[in-house]
Amino acid sequence: MPKTVFISCGQYTEEEKELGKQACELVKTLTPFDGYFAQNQTTLKALSENVLRRLYESVGLIVIMHHRGKIEGRDITRASVWIEQEVAMATLMEQVLGRPLHVALFVQRGIAIEGIRQQIQLNPVEFTDSKEVIAKLQEILPTWKEPRYMGDEERQALVDSVDLSIAVQTGINFNLTIQIENHSTVDAQVKSIVLWSKGNRICKPVSPQAGVNWTIPAQRVLPIQFNAREGVAGRLANLYNEVWSNRLFRAELEIELRCEILGINKTFKETSTVQVDYKNQQIVGV
């Protein structure tokens, strides 16, 4: 289902309504999106479902402000208060919620800059009749090819698709090196590492030191070196009853990565077979 561009346009006259409908048609013709022309709503439920929700879910906003008379006692021509509020909501989406929109703002010549429009960087296009708006939209809309943000469901689906391969390379005393391969198209930031074996935790969660970033770029293989703060070979020898044998043995070591991907937390686990040299406090991936 195509995403939508929200059309915020006056509906006081038939000409204004027709302009809103034409803007919808242009969106459908010139972009991969559908236009949504918000009709006047008379109930709170309709306001929530047909205006607030649709604006929140939109990838673009076309604002067309018409004259709505002068403010009493002041020589100022105002626009629709309702449309000013929709501009404020779109500003909240971009600057607070991190959901940037494609925006085209048209202001009928003579309307004063009021409210939140005084504080934001929008370059309005002044117009005197509807033909100017249509002509400018025909120029602008073909550049709106993709959304400027990723929706919650899309982000979650992309995070769910991320696949990491994890393997132990070497370890001596408290220090280990693991190798991580990111098979996916987005970066994964490792926030902590935990080691397990036979259902027992070998070390507490280890996080990167200050100034260190454990990010695995998309389609890359990188090693991570860390201090487990535990003698891993010794812990494994105890679990496998190999403390007194003084020989090399194999053990299963599970690596648990707690990652952040596109702002969402995800945990990865993979088990590696390692060869343990308890005498020299060393492990090597097999």
Protein backbone atom coordinates (compact mmCIF):
# COMPACT_ATOMS: atom_id res chain seq x y z
CA MET A 1 0.00 0.00 0.00
CA PRO A 2 1.52 3.38 -1.02
CA LYS A 3 2.47 5.84 1.67
CA THR A 4 0.68 9.17 1.73
CA VAL A 5 1.35 12.86 1.37
CA PHE A 6 -0.91 14.90 3.63
CA ILE A 7 -2.66 17.81 1.90
CA SER A 8 -3.47 20.67 4.26
CA CYS A 9 -5.57 23.14 2.28
CA GLY A 10 -8.46 25.45 2.94
CA GLN A 11 -11.99 24.21 2.30
CA TYR A 12 -13.92 27.42 2.80
CA THR A 13 -14.66 27.94 -0.90
CA GLU A 14 -15.22 25.54 -3.79
CA GLU A 15 -12.04 26.86 -5.39
CA GLU A 16 -10.03 25.92 -2.31
CA LYS A 17 -11.54 22.44 -2.19
CA GLU A 18 -10.79 21.92 -5.87
CA LEU A 19 -7.19 23.00 -5.34
CA GLY A 20 -6.79 20.43 -2.56
CA LYS A 21 -8.18 17.70 -4.83
CA GLN A 22 -5.86 18.71 -7.68
CA ALA A 23 -2.89 18.57 -5.34
CA CYS A 24 -3.93 15.00 -4.42
CA GLU A 25 -4.04 13.99 -8.06
CA LEU A 26 -0.62 15.48 -8.73
CA VAL A 27 0.87 13.55 -5.82
CA LYS A 28 -0.52 10.31 -7.21
CA THR A 29 0.69 11.12 -10.74
CA LEU A 30 4.15 12.54 -10.02
CA THR A 31 5.31 10.58 -6.93
CA PRO A 32 5.23 6.97 -5.70
CA PHE A 33 2.84 8.13 -2.96
CA ASP A 34 -0.89 8.77 -2.61
CA GLY A 35 -2.32 12.15 -1.70
CA TYR A 36 -4.58 12.47 1.34
CA PHE A 37 -6.77 15.59 1.43
CA ALA A 38 -7.93 16.03 5.01
CA GLN A 39 -11.61 16.90 4.98
CA ASN A 40 -13.20 18.93 7.78
CA GLN A 41 -13.81 16.74 10.84
CA THR A 42 -16.60 17.21 13.35
CA THR A 43 -15.84 14.65 16.08
CA LEU A 44 -12.80 13.90 18.25
CA LYS A 45 -12.65 10.32 16.94
CA ALA A 46 -12.66 11.52 13.36
CA LEU A 47 -10.04 14.13 14.20
CA SER A 48 -7.79 11.49 15.76
CA GLU A 49 -8.24 8.85 13.05
CA ASN A 50 -8.49 10.99 9.92
CA VAL A 51 -6.19 13.91 10.69
CA LEU A 52 -3.72 13.26 13.50
CA ARG A 53 -3.04 9.62 12.61
CA ARG A 54 -2.88 10.26 8.87
CA LEU A 55 -0.50 13.17 9.36
CA TYR A 56 1.72 11.06 11.65
CA GLU A 57 1.85 8.26 9.08
CA SER A 58 2.52 10.54 6.10
CA VAL A 59 5.87 10.97 4.37
CA GLY A 60 5.12 14.42 2.98
CA LEU A 61 3.10 17.53 3.69
CA ILE A 62 1.66 20.06 1.24
CA VAL A 63 0.41 23.17 3.00
CA ILE A 64 -1.69 25.73 1.12
CA MET A 65 -2.64 28.74 3.23
CA HIS A 66 -5.43 31.08 2.14
CA HIS A 67 -6.56 34.40 3.60
CA ARG A 68 -8.82 34.09 6.62
CA GLY A 69 -9.36 37.78 7.33
CA LYS A 70 -7.61 40.42 9.40
CA ILE A 71 -6.97 40.26 13.12
CA GLU A 72 -9.16 42.79 14.89
CA GLY A 73 -7.23 45.86 15.98
CA ARG A 74 -4.14 44.93 13.96
CA ASP A 75 -3.27 45.28 10.29
CA ILE A 76 -2.43 41.58 9.96
CA THR A 77 -3.99 39.07 7.58
CA ARG A 78 -4.04 35.62 9.08
CA ALA A 79 -4.28 32.13 7.64
CA SER A 80 -6.36 29.22 8.90
CA VAL A 81 -5.63 28.53 12.56
CA TRP A 82 -6.23 24.86 11.89
CA ILE A 83 -3.61 24.73 9.14
CA GLU A 84 -1.15 26.58 11.39
CA GLN A 85 -1.68 23.82 13.95
CA GLU A 86 -1.01 21.12 11.36
CA VAL A 87 2.28 22.84 10.50
CA ALA A 88 3.14 22.80 14.23
CA MET A 89 2.36 19.06 14.43
CA ALA A 90 4.57 18.36 11.41
CA THR A 91 7.36 20.36 13.07
CA LEU A 92 7.00 18.19 16.18
CA MET A 93 7.26 15.06 14.03
CA GLU A 94 10.50 16.22 12.45
CA GLN A 95 12.32 17.93 15.29
CA VAL A 96 11.20 15.80 18.27
CA LEU A 97 10.04 12.44 16.92
CA GLY A 98 12.70 12.12 14.22
CA ARG A 99 10.20 11.68 11.38
CA PRO A 100 11.27 14.23 8.72
CA LEU A 101 8.81 14.97 5.94
CA HIS A 102 8.94 16.27 2.42
CA VAL A 103 7.33 19.71 2.76
CA ALA A 104 5.91 22.21 0.27
CA LEU A 105 4.45 25.38 1.81
CA PHE A 106 2.31 27.80 -0.17
CA VAL A 107 1.12 31.07 1.35
CA GLN A 108 -1.35 33.42 -0.31
CA ARG A 109 0.29 36.78 -0.75
CA GLY A 110 -0.31 39.09 2.21
CA ILE A 111 -0.58 36.46 4.97
CA ALA A 112 1.55 37.33 8.01
CA ILE A 113 4.16 34.97 9.45
CA GLU A 114 2.75 33.86 12.80
CA GLY A 115 3.13 31.19 15.46
CA ILE A 116 5.65 28.43 14.99
CA ARG A 117 6.33 29.53 11.41
CA GLN A 118 8.34 32.39 12.94
CA GLN A 119 10.77 29.87 14.45
CA ILE A 120 11.30 27.27 11.73
CA GLN A 121 13.23 27.34 8.49
CA LEU A 122 10.57 26.93 5.83
CA ASN A 123 10.72 28.77 2.52
CA PRO A 124 7.11 29.48 1.59
CA VAL A 125 6.04 30.01 -1.99
CA GLU A 126 3.75 33.03 -2.29
CA PHE A 127 0.83 32.80 -4.68
CA THR A 128 -2.12 34.83 -5.84
CA ASP A 129 -4.15 32.15 -7.60
CA SER A 130 -4.39 28.38 -7.73
CA LYS A 131 -2.61 28.04 -11.08
CA GLU A 132 0.65 29.18 -9.48
CA VAL A 133 0.35 26.46 -6.81
CA ILE A 134 -0.30 23.75 -9.40
CA ALA A 135 2.62 24.88 -11.56
CA LYS A 136 5.03 24.85 -8.62
CA LEU A 137 3.82 21.44 -7.43
CA GLN A 138 4.46 20.05 -10.92
CA GLU A 139 8.05 21.22 -10.48
CA ILE A 140 8.55 20.04 -6.88
CA LEU A 141 6.76 16.70 -6.65
CA PRO A 142 8.91 14.68 -9.11
CA THR A 143 11.82 15.14 -6.65
CA TRP A 144 9.87 13.33 -3.90
CA LYS A 145 11.05 9.84 -4.79
CA GLU A 146 11.52 8.17 -1.40
CA PRO A 147 10.41 8.75 2.21
CA ARG A 148 12.84 10.82 4.30
CA TYR A 149 12.40 8.50 7.28
CA MET A 150 11.74 4.84 7.93
CA GLY A 151 8.44 3.91 9.56
CA ASP A 152 8.26 1.88 12.76
CA GLU A 153 7.09 -1.31 11.05
CA GLU A 154 9.72 -1.02 8.31
CA ARG A 155 12.45 -0.39 10.85
CA GLN A 156 11.41 -3.41 12.91
CA ALA A 157 11.24 -5.62 9.81
CA LEU A 158 14.75 -4.53 8.81
CA VAL A 159 16.08 -5.18 12.31
CA ASP A 160 14.44 -8.62 12.31
CA SER A 161 16.28 -9.45 9.08
CA VAL A 162 19.74 -8.69 10.47
CA ASP A 163 21.97 -11.76 10.59
CA LEU A 164 25.32 -11.89 12.40
CA SER A 165 27.84 -14.74 12.48
CA ILE A 166 29.93 -14.93 15.67
CA ALA A 167 33.05 -17.01 16.25
CA VAL A 168 35.80 -17.21 18.86
CA GLN A 169 39.30 -16.63 17.51
CA THR A 170 41.71 -16.70 20.44
CA GLY A 171 41.88 -16.00 24.14
CA ILE A 172 44.58 -15.83 26.78
CA ASN A 173 43.91 -15.22 30.46
CA PHE A 174 41.14 -12.59 30.64
CA ASN A 175 41.53 -11.32 27.07
CA LEU A 176 39.50 -12.70 24.16
CA THR A 177 39.09 -11.94 20.48
CA ILE A 178 35.88 -12.80 18.67
CA GLN A 179 35.06 -12.31 15.02
CA ILE A 180 31.69 -10.96 13.90
CA GLU A 181 30.39 -10.99 10.34
CA ASN A 182 27.42 -8.78 9.45
CA HIS A 183 25.52 -10.35 6.55
CA SER A 184 22.96 -7.54 6.49
CA THR A 185 22.49 -4.14 4.84
CA VAL A 186 22.50 -2.08 8.05
CA ASP A 187 25.13 -1.53 10.74
CA ALA A 188 24.91 -3.29 14.10
CA GLN A 189 26.35 -1.71 17.23
CA VAL A 190 27.43 -4.20 19.88
CA LYS A 191 26.53 -2.82 23.31
CA SER A 192 27.68 -5.78 25.44
CA ILE A 193 29.10 -9.30 25.27
CA VAL A 194 28.34 -12.21 27.61
CA LEU A 195 29.90 -15.69 27.51
CA TRP A 196 28.05 -18.89 28.46
CA SER A 197 28.79 -22.62 28.59
CA LYS A 198 26.55 -25.50 29.66
CA GLY A 199 23.95 -22.95 30.78
CA ASN A 200 26.43 -21.24 33.10
CA ARG A 201 27.52 -17.67 32.68
CA ILE A 202 31.28 -17.54 32.14
CA CYS A 203 31.54 -13.76 32.45
CA LYS A 204 29.35 -10.84 33.31
CA PRO A 205 28.26 -8.46 30.50
CA VAL A 206 31.26 -6.62 29.05
CA SER A 207 30.69 -3.24 27.38
CA PRO A 208 33.10 -1.19 25.26
CA GLN A 209 35.38 1.16 27.14
CA ALA A 210 34.82 4.90 27.00
CA GLY A 211 35.62 6.23 23.53
CA VAL A 212 35.41 2.77 21.92
CA ASN A 213 32.60 1.94 19.49
CA TRP A 214 31.87 -1.71 18.68
CA THR A 215 30.00 -1.13 15.43
CA ILE A 216 29.93 -3.87 12.79
CA PRO A 217 29.25 -2.18 9.43
CA ALA A 218 26.90 -3.77 6.93
CA GLN A 219 28.46 -6.55 4.87
CA ARG A 220 31.70 -6.44 6.87
CA VAL A 221 33.73 -8.80 9.07
CA LEU A 222 35.45 -7.32 12.11
CA PRO A 223 37.20 -8.66 15.23
CA ILE A 224 36.39 -7.39 18.71
CA GLN A 225 38.95 -7.69 21.48
CA PHE A 226 37.72 -7.45 25.06
CA ASN A 227 38.60 -8.21 28.67
CA ALA A 228 36.18 -10.78 30.10
CA ARG A 229 37.37 -10.00 33.64
CA GLU A 230 37.34 -13.77 34.21
CA GLY A 231 39.87 -16.50 33.40
CA VAL A 232 37.82 -18.12 30.64
CA ALA A 233 40.07 -21.20 30.25
CA GLY A 234 39.90 -21.79 34.01
CA ARG A 235 36.12 -21.43 34.14
CA LEU A 236 35.73 -23.91 31.28
CA ALA A 237 38.15 -26.37 32.90
CA ASN A 238 36.05 -26.34 36.06
CA LEU A 239 32.81 -26.87 34.12
CA TYR A 240 34.28 -29.76 32.10
CA ASN A 241 36.13 -31.34 35.07
CA GLU A 242 39.47 -30.89 33.34
CA VAL A 243 41.33 -28.98 36.04
CA TRP A 244 43.53 -31.94 37.04
CA SER A 245 43.95 -33.61 33.66
CA ASN A 246 46.58 -31.20 32.41
CA ARG A 247 45.59 -31.89 28.79
CA LEU A 248 43.98 -30.02 25.92
CA PHE A 249 40.21 -30.45 25.66
CA ARG A 250 37.32 -29.08 23.65
CA ALA A 251 34.42 -27.08 25.05
CA GLU A 252 31.30 -25.32 23.78
CA LEU A 253 31.33 -21.55 24.35
CA GLU A 254 28.20 -19.50 23.63
CA ILE A 255 28.68 -15.83 22.77
CA GLU A 256 25.74 -13.56 23.46
CA LEU A 257 25.77 -10.13 21.80
CA ARG A 258 23.36 -7.43 22.87
CA CYS A 259 23.17 -5.01 19.97
CA GLU A 260 21.44 -1.81 18.92
CA ILE A 261 20.25 -1.59 15.32
CA LEU A 262 18.39 1.47 14.01
CA GLY A 263 17.59 2.40 17.60
CA ILE A 264 16.14 -1.03 18.43
CA ASN A 265 17.75 -3.57 20.78
CA LYS A 266 18.34 -7.11 19.54
CA THR A 267 20.22 -10.06 21.04
CA PHE A 268 22.27 -12.56 19.03
CA LYS A 269 23.63 -15.88 20.31
CA GLU A 270 25.97 -18.34 18.66
CA THR A 271 27.92 -21.32 20.02
CA SER A 272 31.54 -21.94 19.06
CA THR A 273 33.71 -24.95 19.73
CA VAL A 274 37.00 -23.98 21.34
CA GLN A 275 40.13 -25.89 22.26
CA VAL A 276 41.17 -25.16 25.83
CA ASP A 277 44.72 -25.21 27.16
CA TYR A 278 44.12 -24.86 30.90
CA LYS A 279 47.81 -25.08 31.78
CA ASN A 280 48.64 -21.99 29.70
CA GLN A 281 45.24 -20.31 30.21
CA GLN A 282 44.54 -20.21 26.47
CA ILE A 283 41.60 -20.96 24.20
CA VAL A 284 41.50 -21.19 20.41
CA GLY A 285 38.47 -21.37 18.15
CA VAL A 286 38.13 -24.66 16.31
